[in-house]
Amino acid sequence: MKQLSSVLLAGIATAGLLASGSLLAQPNLNDMFLDQDTDNFDPGLSIGEPFPAIRAIYSGEEITSPEQFMGERGLAFFAVRSADW
């Protein structure tokens, strides 16, 4: 019984430490943001740049412009390149 009490007390103490965040890994946020972009990565279109021509099939219909999908606040377009070529 005494051993069970010790285990229970240790469990409660550990739970308290975890809940307080003392034992959780803390992220290193130093140098998280760069002052300027110096690599060769090109993320694509800039804000306000015209959308390039597209050609896709959606619901059996050929799409050549994203305008039919735009709402009052614009359009979020995501292109995912398959890893299975």
PDB file of N, CA and C in Angstrom:
ATOM      1  N   MET A   1       0.823  -1.193   0.000  1.00  0.00           N
ATOM      2  CA  MET A   1       0.000   0.000   0.000  1.00  0.00           C
ATOM      3  C   MET A   1       0.864   1.253   0.000  1.00  0.00           C
ATOM      4  N   LYS A   2       1.955   1.214   0.795  1.00  0.00           N
ATOM      5  CA  LYS A   2       2.848   2.367   0.866  1.00  0.00           C
ATOM      6  C   LYS A   2       3.509   2.611  -0.492  1.00  0.00           C
ATOM      7  N   GLN A   3       3.851   1.509  -1.208  1.00  0.00           N
ATOM      8  CA  GLN A   3       4.475   1.635  -2.531  1.00  0.00           C
ATOM      9  C   GLN A   3       3.486   2.253  -3.518  1.00  0.00           C
ATOM     10  N   LEU A   4       2.213   1.853  -3.447  1.00  0.00           N
ATOM     11  CA  LEU A   4       1.179   2.402  -4.306  1.00  0.00           C
ATOM     12  C   LEU A   4       1.015   3.899  -4.059  1.00  0.00           C
ATOM     13  N   SER A   5       1.068   4.304  -2.795  1.00  0.00           N
ATOM     14  CA  SER A   5       0.965   5.731  -2.457  1.00  0.00           C
ATOM     15  C   SER A   5       2.132   6.520  -3.044  1.00  0.00           C
ATOM     16  N   SER A   6       3.339   5.939  -2.989  1.00  0.00           N
ATOM     17  CA  SER A   6       4.521   6.614  -3.538  1.00  0.00           C
ATOM     18  C   SER A   6       4.399   6.780  -5.045  1.00  0.00           C
ATOM     19  N   VAL A   7       3.941   5.723  -5.722  1.00  0.00           N
ATOM     20  CA  VAL A   7       3.771   5.776  -7.182  1.00  0.00           C
ATOM     21  C   VAL A   7       2.696   6.792  -7.538  1.00  0.00           C
ATOM     22  N   LEU A   8       1.605   6.782  -6.811  1.00  0.00           N
ATOM     23  CA  LEU A   8       0.520   7.731  -7.057  1.00  0.00           C
ATOM     24  C   LEU A   8       0.979   9.167  -6.842  1.00  0.00           C
ATOM     25  N   LEU A   9       1.716   9.407  -5.777  1.00  0.00           N
ATOM     26  CA  LEU A   9       2.233  10.744  -5.493  1.00  0.00           C
ATOM     27  C   LEU A   9       3.213  11.190  -6.579  1.00  0.00           C
ATOM     28  N   ALA A  10       4.077  10.283  -7.043  1.00  0.00           N
ATOM     29  CA  ALA A  10       5.019  10.618  -8.114  1.00  0.00           C
ATOM     30  C   ALA A  10       4.272  10.937  -9.409  1.00  0.00           C
ATOM     31  N   GLY A  11       3.207  10.190  -9.676  1.00  0.00           N
ATOM     32  CA  GLY A  11       2.401  10.446 -10.870  1.00  0.00           C
ATOM     33  C   GLY A  11       1.714  11.794 -10.826  1.00  0.00           C
ATOM     34  N   ILE A  12       1.195  12.141  -9.685  1.00  0.00           N
ATOM     35  CA  ILE A  12       0.533  13.444  -9.520  1.00  0.00           C
ATOM     36  C   ILE A  12       1.549  14.580  -9.666  1.00  0.00           C
ATOM     37  N   ALA A  13       2.735  14.402  -9.096  1.00  0.00           N
ATOM     38  CA  ALA A  13       3.773  15.431  -9.198  1.00  0.00           C
ATOM     39  C   ALA A  13       4.208  15.598 -10.648  1.00  0.00           C
ATOM     40  N   THR A  14       4.377  14.478 -11.377  1.00  0.00           N
ATOM     41  CA  THR A  14       4.776  14.548 -12.786  1.00  0.00           C
ATOM     42  C   THR A  14       3.690  15.232 -13.609  1.00  0.00           C
ATOM     43  N   ALA A  15       2.431  14.886 -13.368  1.00  0.00           N
ATOM     44  CA  ALA A  15       1.320  15.509 -14.083  1.00  0.00           C
ATOM     45  C   ALA A  15       1.286  17.014 -13.828  1.00  0.00           C
ATOM     46  N   GLY A  16       1.572  17.400 -12.587  1.00  0.00           N
ATOM     47  CA  GLY A  16       1.603  18.828 -12.255  1.00  0.00           C
ATOM     48  C   GLY A  16       2.706  19.559 -13.001  1.00  0.00           C
ATOM     49  N   LEU A  17       3.881  18.940 -13.090  1.00  0.00           N
ATOM     50  CA  LEU A  17       4.989  19.562 -13.824  1.00  0.00           C
ATOM     51  C   LEU A  17       4.681  19.669 -15.308  1.00  0.00           C
ATOM     52  N   LEU A  18       4.088  18.614 -15.867  1.00  0.00           N
ATOM     53  CA  LEU A  18       3.725  18.657 -17.290  1.00  0.00           C
ATOM     54  C   LEU A  18       2.683  19.738 -17.551  1.00  0.00           C
ATOM     55  N   ALA A  19       1.709  19.838 -16.686  1.00  0.00           N
ATOM     56  CA  ALA A  19       0.653  20.839 -16.845  1.00  0.00           C
ATOM     57  C   ALA A  19       1.209  22.256 -16.744  1.00  0.00           C
ATOM     58  N   SER A  20       2.224  22.439 -15.924  1.00  0.00           N
ATOM     59  CA  SER A  20       2.789  23.780 -15.771  1.00  0.00           C
ATOM     60  C   SER A  20       3.720  24.140 -16.920  1.00  0.00           C
ATOM     61  N   GLY A  21       4.095  23.141 -17.729  1.00  0.00           N
ATOM     62  CA  GLY A  21       4.971  23.408 -18.861  1.00  0.00           C
ATOM     63  C   GLY A  21       6.440  23.346 -18.517  1.00  0.00           C
ATOM     64  N   SER A  22       6.781  23.022 -17.294  1.00  0.00           N
ATOM     65  CA  SER A  22       8.185  22.995 -16.880  1.00  0.00           C
ATOM     66  C   SER A  22       8.985  21.911 -17.590  1.00  0.00           C
ATOM     67  N   LEU A  23       8.345  20.790 -17.903  1.00  0.00           N
ATOM     68  CA  LEU A  23       9.068  19.686 -18.530  1.00  0.00           C
ATOM     69  C   LEU A  23       8.905  19.642 -20.052  1.00  0.00           C
ATOM     70  N   LEU A  24       8.119  20.532 -20.608  1.00  0.00           N
ATOM     71  CA  LEU A  24       7.898  20.528 -22.051  1.00  0.00           C
ATOM     72  C   LEU A  24       9.060  21.197 -22.766  1.00  0.00           C
ATOM     73  N   ALA A  25       9.397  20.671 -23.943  1.00  0.00           N
ATOM     74  CA  ALA A  25      10.460  21.277 -24.745  1.00  0.00           C
ATOM     75  C   ALA A  25      10.003  22.655 -25.216  1.00  0.00           C
ATOM     76  N   GLN A  26      10.868  23.611 -25.109  1.00  0.00           N
ATOM     77  CA  GLN A  26      10.549  24.967 -25.535  1.00  0.00           C
ATOM     78  C   GLN A  26      11.236  25.240 -26.870  1.00  0.00           C
ATOM     79  N   PRO A  27      10.519  25.811 -27.841  1.00  0.00           N
ATOM     80  CA  PRO A  27      11.142  26.082 -29.136  1.00  0.00           C
ATOM     81  C   PRO A  27      12.192  27.191 -29.028  1.00  0.00           C
ATOM     82  N   ASN A  28      13.213  27.088 -29.850  1.00  0.00           N
ATOM     83  CA  ASN A  28      14.241  28.125 -29.909  1.00  0.00           C
ATOM     84  C   ASN A  28      13.790  29.154 -30.951  1.00  0.00           C
ATOM     85  N   LEU A  29      13.376  30.311 -30.500  1.00  0.00           N
ATOM     86  CA  LEU A  29      12.862  31.335 -31.405  1.00  0.00           C
ATOM     87  C   LEU A  29      13.913  32.361 -31.798  1.00  0.00           C
ATOM     88  N   ASN A  30      15.151  32.168 -31.352  1.00  0.00           N
ATOM     89  CA  ASN A  30      16.225  33.085 -31.731  1.00  0.00           C
ATOM     90  C   ASN A  30      16.485  32.941 -33.227  1.00  0.00           C
ATOM     91  N   ASP A  31      16.669  34.025 -33.903  1.00  0.00           N
ATOM     92  CA  ASP A  31      16.944  34.041 -35.346  1.00  0.00           C
ATOM     93  C   ASP A  31      15.867  33.317 -36.145  1.00  0.00           C
ATOM     94  N   MET A  32      14.622  33.424 -35.712  1.00  0.00           N
ATOM     95  CA  MET A  32      13.531  32.755 -36.408  1.00  0.00           C
ATOM     96  C   MET A  32      13.199  33.458 -37.728  1.00  0.00           C
ATOM     97  N   PHE A  33      13.359  34.759 -37.783  1.00  0.00           N
ATOM     98  CA  PHE A  33      13.040  35.517 -38.983  1.00  0.00           C
ATOM     99  C   PHE A  33      14.310  36.149 -39.553  1.00  0.00           C
ATOM    100  N   LEU A  34      14.375  36.220 -40.865  1.00  0.00           N
ATOM    101  CA  LEU A  34      15.526  36.793 -41.553  1.00  0.00           C
ATOM    102  C   LEU A  34      15.267  38.255 -41.867  1.00  0.00           C
ATOM    103  N   ASP A  35      16.328  39.049 -41.876  1.00  0.00           N
ATOM    104  CA  ASP A  35      16.192  40.454 -42.248  1.00  0.00           C
ATOM    105  C   ASP A  35      15.907  40.602 -43.733  1.00  0.00           C
ATOM    106  N   GLN A  36      16.490  39.719 -44.534  1.00  0.00           N
ATOM    107  CA  GLN A  36      16.249  39.764 -45.974  1.00  0.00           C
ATOM    108  C   GLN A  36      16.342  38.364 -46.553  1.00  0.00           C
ATOM    109  N   ASP A  37      15.711  38.168 -47.710  1.00  0.00           N
ATOM    110  CA  ASP A  37      15.701  36.873 -48.386  1.00  0.00           C
ATOM    111  C   ASP A  37      16.936  36.794 -49.274  1.00  0.00           C
ATOM    112  N   THR A  38      17.845  35.878 -48.973  1.00  0.00           N
ATOM    113  CA  THR A  38      19.103  35.816 -49.717  1.00  0.00           C
ATOM    114  C   THR A  38      19.279  34.517 -50.489  1.00  0.00           C
ATOM    115  N   ASP A  39      18.287  33.609 -50.449  1.00  0.00           N
ATOM    116  CA  ASP A  39      18.462  32.352 -51.180  1.00  0.00           C
ATOM    117  C   ASP A  39      17.881  32.455 -52.596  1.00  0.00           C
ATOM    118  N   ASN A  40      18.019  31.382 -53.373  1.00  0.00           N
ATOM    119  CA  ASN A  40      17.550  31.368 -54.765  1.00  0.00           C
ATOM    120  C   ASN A  40      16.141  30.828 -54.919  1.00  0.00           C
ATOM    121  N   PHE A  41      15.443  30.526 -53.825  1.00  0.00           N
ATOM    122  CA  PHE A  41      14.097  29.968 -53.906  1.00  0.00           C
ATOM    123  C   PHE A  41      13.122  31.022 -54.419  1.00  0.00           C
ATOM    124  N   ASP A  42      12.333  30.643 -55.419  1.00  0.00           N
ATOM    125  CA  ASP A  42      11.322  31.537 -55.977  1.00  0.00           C
ATOM    126  C   ASP A  42       9.953  30.995 -55.587  1.00  0.00           C
ATOM    127  N   PRO A  43       9.245  31.643 -54.660  1.00  0.00           N
ATOM    128  CA  PRO A  43       7.963  31.108 -54.206  1.00  0.00           C
ATOM    129  C   PRO A  43       6.821  31.312 -55.195  1.00  0.00           C
ATOM    130  N   GLY A  44       7.045  31.998 -56.280  1.00  0.00           N
ATOM    131  CA  GLY A  44       5.976  32.163 -57.271  1.00  0.00           C
ATOM    132  C   GLY A  44       5.563  33.608 -57.444  1.00  0.00           C
ATOM    133  N   LEU A  45       4.270  33.790 -57.681  1.00  0.00           N
ATOM    134  CA  LEU A  45       3.735  35.121 -57.981  1.00  0.00           C
ATOM    135  C   LEU A  45       3.835  36.057 -56.783  1.00  0.00           C
ATOM    136  N   SER A  46       4.079  37.306 -57.081  1.00  0.00           N
ATOM    137  CA  SER A  46       4.034  38.335 -56.044  1.00  0.00           C
ATOM    138  C   SER A  46       2.596  38.805 -55.896  1.00  0.00           C
ATOM    139  N   ILE A  47       2.297  39.451 -54.791  1.00  0.00           N
ATOM    140  CA  ILE A  47       0.955  39.983 -54.574  1.00  0.00           C
ATOM    141  C   ILE A  47       0.649  41.014 -55.653  1.00  0.00           C
ATOM    142  N   GLY A  48      -0.500  40.864 -56.292  1.00  0.00           N
ATOM    143  CA  GLY A  48      -0.930  41.788 -57.335  1.00  0.00           C
ATOM    144  C   GLY A  48      -0.462  41.417 -58.728  1.00  0.00           C
ATOM    145  N   GLU A  49       0.439  40.454 -58.850  1.00  0.00           N
ATOM    146  CA  GLU A  49       0.921  40.026 -60.169  1.00  0.00           C
ATOM    147  C   GLU A  49      -0.180  39.225 -60.869  1.00  0.00           C
ATOM    148  N   PRO A  50      -0.361  39.414 -62.187  1.00  0.00           N
ATOM    149  CA  PRO A  50      -1.414  38.679 -62.903  1.00  0.00           C
ATOM    150  C   PRO A  50      -1.199  37.167 -62.841  1.00  0.00           C
ATOM    151  N   PHE A  51      -2.297  36.439 -62.733  1.00  0.00           N
ATOM    152  CA  PHE A  51      -2.251  34.979 -62.689  1.00  0.00           C
ATOM    153  C   PHE A  51      -1.922  34.457 -64.088  1.00  0.00           C
ATOM    154  N   PRO A  52      -1.000  33.505 -64.202  1.00  0.00           N
ATOM    155  CA  PRO A  52      -0.640  32.986 -65.526  1.00  0.00           C
ATOM    156  C   PRO A  52      -1.753  32.132 -66.124  1.00  0.00           C
ATOM    157  N   ALA A  53      -1.692  31.917 -67.412  1.00  0.00           N
ATOM    158  CA  ALA A  53      -2.687  31.089 -68.093  1.00  0.00           C
ATOM    159  C   ALA A  53      -2.629  29.658 -67.550  1.00  0.00           C
ATOM    160  N   ILE A  54      -3.793  29.044 -67.409  1.00  0.00           N
ATOM    161  CA  ILE A  54      -3.850  27.665 -66.943  1.00  0.00           C
ATOM    162  C   ILE A  54      -4.721  26.852 -67.889  1.00  0.00           C
ATOM    163  N   ARG A  55      -4.567  25.550 -67.814  1.00  0.00           N
ATOM    164  CA  ARG A  55      -5.431  24.644 -68.560  1.00  0.00           C
ATOM    165  C   ARG A  55      -5.618  23.414 -67.686  1.00  0.00           C
ATOM    166  N   ALA A  56      -6.852  23.192 -67.236  1.00  0.00           N
ATOM    167  CA  ALA A  56      -7.141  22.081 -66.342  1.00  0.00           C
ATOM    168  C   ALA A  56      -8.545  21.554 -66.624  1.00  0.00           C
ATOM    169  N   ILE A  57      -8.827  20.367 -66.138  1.00  0.00           N
ATOM    170  CA  ILE A  57     -10.160  19.775 -66.256  1.00  0.00           C
ATOM    171  C   ILE A  57     -10.784  19.776 -64.864  1.00  0.00           C
ATOM    172  N   TYR A  58     -11.972  20.344 -64.749  1.00  0.00           N
ATOM    173  CA  TYR A  58     -12.712  20.386 -63.493  1.00  0.00           C
ATOM    174  C   TYR A  58     -14.146  19.955 -63.775  1.00  0.00           C
ATOM    175  N   SER A  59     -14.592  18.907 -63.135  1.00  0.00           N
ATOM    176  CA  SER A  59     -15.943  18.362 -63.334  1.00  0.00           C
ATOM    177  C   SER A  59     -16.228  18.115 -64.813  1.00  0.00           C
ATOM    178  N   GLY A  60     -15.232  17.604 -65.532  1.00  0.00           N
ATOM    179  CA  GLY A  60     -15.405  17.272 -66.943  1.00  0.00           C
ATOM    180  C   GLY A  60     -15.368  18.463 -67.877  1.00  0.00           C
ATOM    181  N   GLU A  61     -15.080  19.636 -67.359  1.00  0.00           N
ATOM    182  CA  GLU A  61     -15.078  20.863 -68.160  1.00  0.00           C
ATOM    183  C   GLU A  61     -13.666  21.461 -68.165  1.00  0.00           C
ATOM    184  N   GLU A  62     -13.234  21.943 -69.336  1.00  0.00           N
ATOM    185  CA  GLU A  62     -11.908  22.556 -69.422  1.00  0.00           C
ATOM    186  C   GLU A  62     -11.945  23.954 -68.811  1.00  0.00           C
ATOM    187  N   ILE A  63     -10.991  24.217 -67.938  1.00  0.00           N
ATOM    188  CA  ILE A  63     -10.875  25.513 -67.271  1.00  0.00           C
ATOM    189  C   ILE A  63      -9.619  26.200 -67.804  1.00  0.00           C
ATOM    190  N   THR A  64      -9.758  27.437 -68.226  1.00  0.00           N
ATOM    191  CA  THR A  64      -8.597  28.206 -68.701  1.00  0.00           C
ATOM    192  C   THR A  64      -8.389  29.483 -67.902  1.00  0.00           C
ATOM    193  N   SER A  65      -9.293  29.749 -66.970  1.00  0.00           N
ATOM    194  CA  SER A  65      -9.178  30.943 -66.143  1.00  0.00           C
ATOM    195  C   SER A  65      -9.677  30.620 -64.734  1.00  0.00           C
ATOM    196  N   PRO A  66      -8.999  31.107 -63.722  1.00  0.00           N
ATOM    197  CA  PRO A  66      -9.455  30.850 -62.350  1.00  0.00           C
ATOM    198  C   PRO A  66     -10.616  31.750 -61.916  1.00  0.00           C
ATOM    199  N   GLU A  67     -11.045  32.663 -62.783  1.00  0.00           N
ATOM    200  CA  GLU A  67     -12.041  33.669 -62.385  1.00  0.00           C
ATOM    201  C   GLU A  67     -13.373  33.074 -61.953  1.00  0.00           C
ATOM    202  N   GLN A  68     -13.766  31.930 -62.504  1.00  0.00           N
ATOM    203  CA  GLN A  68     -15.059  31.356 -62.119  1.00  0.00           C
ATOM    204  C   GLN A  68     -15.048  30.841 -60.679  1.00  0.00           C
ATOM    205  N   PHE A  69     -13.862  30.697 -60.080  1.00  0.00           N
ATOM    206  CA  PHE A  69     -13.754  30.232 -58.711  1.00  0.00           C
ATOM    207  C   PHE A  69     -13.557  31.378 -57.721  1.00  0.00           C
ATOM    208  N   MET A  70     -13.398  32.593 -58.210  1.00  0.00           N
ATOM    209  CA  MET A  70     -13.137  33.728 -57.327  1.00  0.00           C
ATOM    210  C   MET A  70     -14.406  34.186 -56.624  1.00  0.00           C
ATOM    211  N   GLY A  71     -14.239  34.512 -55.343  1.00  0.00           N
ATOM    212  CA  GLY A  71     -15.336  35.072 -54.567  1.00  0.00           C
ATOM    213  C   GLY A  71     -15.085  36.556 -54.370  1.00  0.00           C
ATOM    214  N   GLU A  72     -15.837  37.160 -53.464  1.00  0.00           N
ATOM    215  CA  GLU A  72     -15.660  38.602 -53.236  1.00  0.00           C
ATOM    216  C   GLU A  72     -14.302  38.933 -52.638  1.00  0.00           C
ATOM    217  N   ARG A  73     -13.665  37.962 -51.975  1.00  0.00           N
ATOM    218  CA  ARG A  73     -12.373  38.221 -51.339  1.00  0.00           C
ATOM    219  C   ARG A  73     -11.215  37.605 -52.124  1.00  0.00           C
ATOM    220  N   GLY A  74     -11.473  37.172 -53.340  1.00  0.00           N
ATOM    221  CA  GLY A  74     -10.403  36.634 -54.171  1.00  0.00           C
ATOM    222  C   GLY A  74     -10.406  35.119 -54.219  1.00  0.00           C
ATOM    223  N   LEU A  75      -9.228  34.549 -54.398  1.00  0.00           N
ATOM    224  CA  LEU A  75      -9.078  33.112 -54.583  1.00  0.00           C
ATOM    225  C   LEU A  75      -7.765  32.656 -53.971  1.00  0.00           C
ATOM    226  N   ALA A  76      -7.793  31.555 -53.264  1.00  0.00           N
ATOM    227  CA  ALA A  76      -6.559  30.926 -52.781  1.00  0.00           C
ATOM    228  C   ALA A  76      -6.286  29.742 -53.699  1.00  0.00           C
ATOM    229  N   PHE A  77      -5.159  29.742 -54.362  1.00  0.00           N
ATOM    230  CA  PHE A  77      -4.808  28.700 -55.324  1.00  0.00           C
ATOM    231  C   PHE A  77      -3.609  27.930 -54.803  1.00  0.00           C
ATOM    232  N   PHE A  78      -3.733  26.624 -54.694  1.00  0.00           N
ATOM    233  CA  PHE A  78      -2.646  25.769 -54.234  1.00  0.00           C
ATOM    234  C   PHE A  78      -2.341  24.751 -55.321  1.00  0.00           C
ATOM    235  N   ALA A  79      -1.094  24.660 -55.696  1.00  0.00           N
ATOM    236  CA  ALA A  79      -0.650  23.650 -56.659  1.00  0.00           C
ATOM    237  C   ALA A  79       0.296  22.719 -55.933  1.00  0.00           C
ATOM    238  N   VAL A  80       0.009  21.435 -55.978  1.00  0.00           N
ATOM    239  CA  VAL A  80       0.845  20.449 -55.302  1.00  0.00           C
ATOM    240  C   VAL A  80       1.434  19.528 -56.347  1.00  0.00           C
ATOM    241  N   ARG A  81       2.736  19.481 -56.383  1.00  0.00           N
ATOM    242  CA  ARG A  81       3.432  18.631 -57.334  1.00  0.00           C
ATOM    243  C   ARG A  81       3.523  17.231 -56.744  1.00  0.00           C
ATOM    244  N   SER A  82       3.136  16.256 -57.515  1.00  0.00           N
ATOM    245  CA  SER A  82       3.145  14.879 -57.029  1.00  0.00           C
ATOM    246  C   SER A  82       4.577  14.375 -56.868  1.00  0.00           C
ATOM    247  N   ALA A  83       4.777  13.566 -55.844  1.00  0.00           N
ATOM    248  CA  ALA A  83       6.080  12.954 -55.628  1.00  0.00           C
ATOM    249  C   ALA A  83       6.177  11.622 -56.383  1.00  0.00           C
ATOM    250  N   ASP A  84       5.078  11.178 -56.951  1.00  0.00           N
ATOM    251  CA  ASP A  84       5.023   9.901 -57.667  1.00  0.00           C
ATOM    252  C   ASP A  84       5.031  10.174 -59.171  1.00  0.00           C
ATOM    253  N   TRP A  85       6.209  10.165 -59.789  1.00  0.00           N
ATOM    254  CA  TRP A  85       6.310  10.473 -61.218  1.00  0.00           C
ATOM    255  C   TRP A  85       6.424   9.178 -61.974  1.00  0.00           C
TER     256      TRP A  85
END
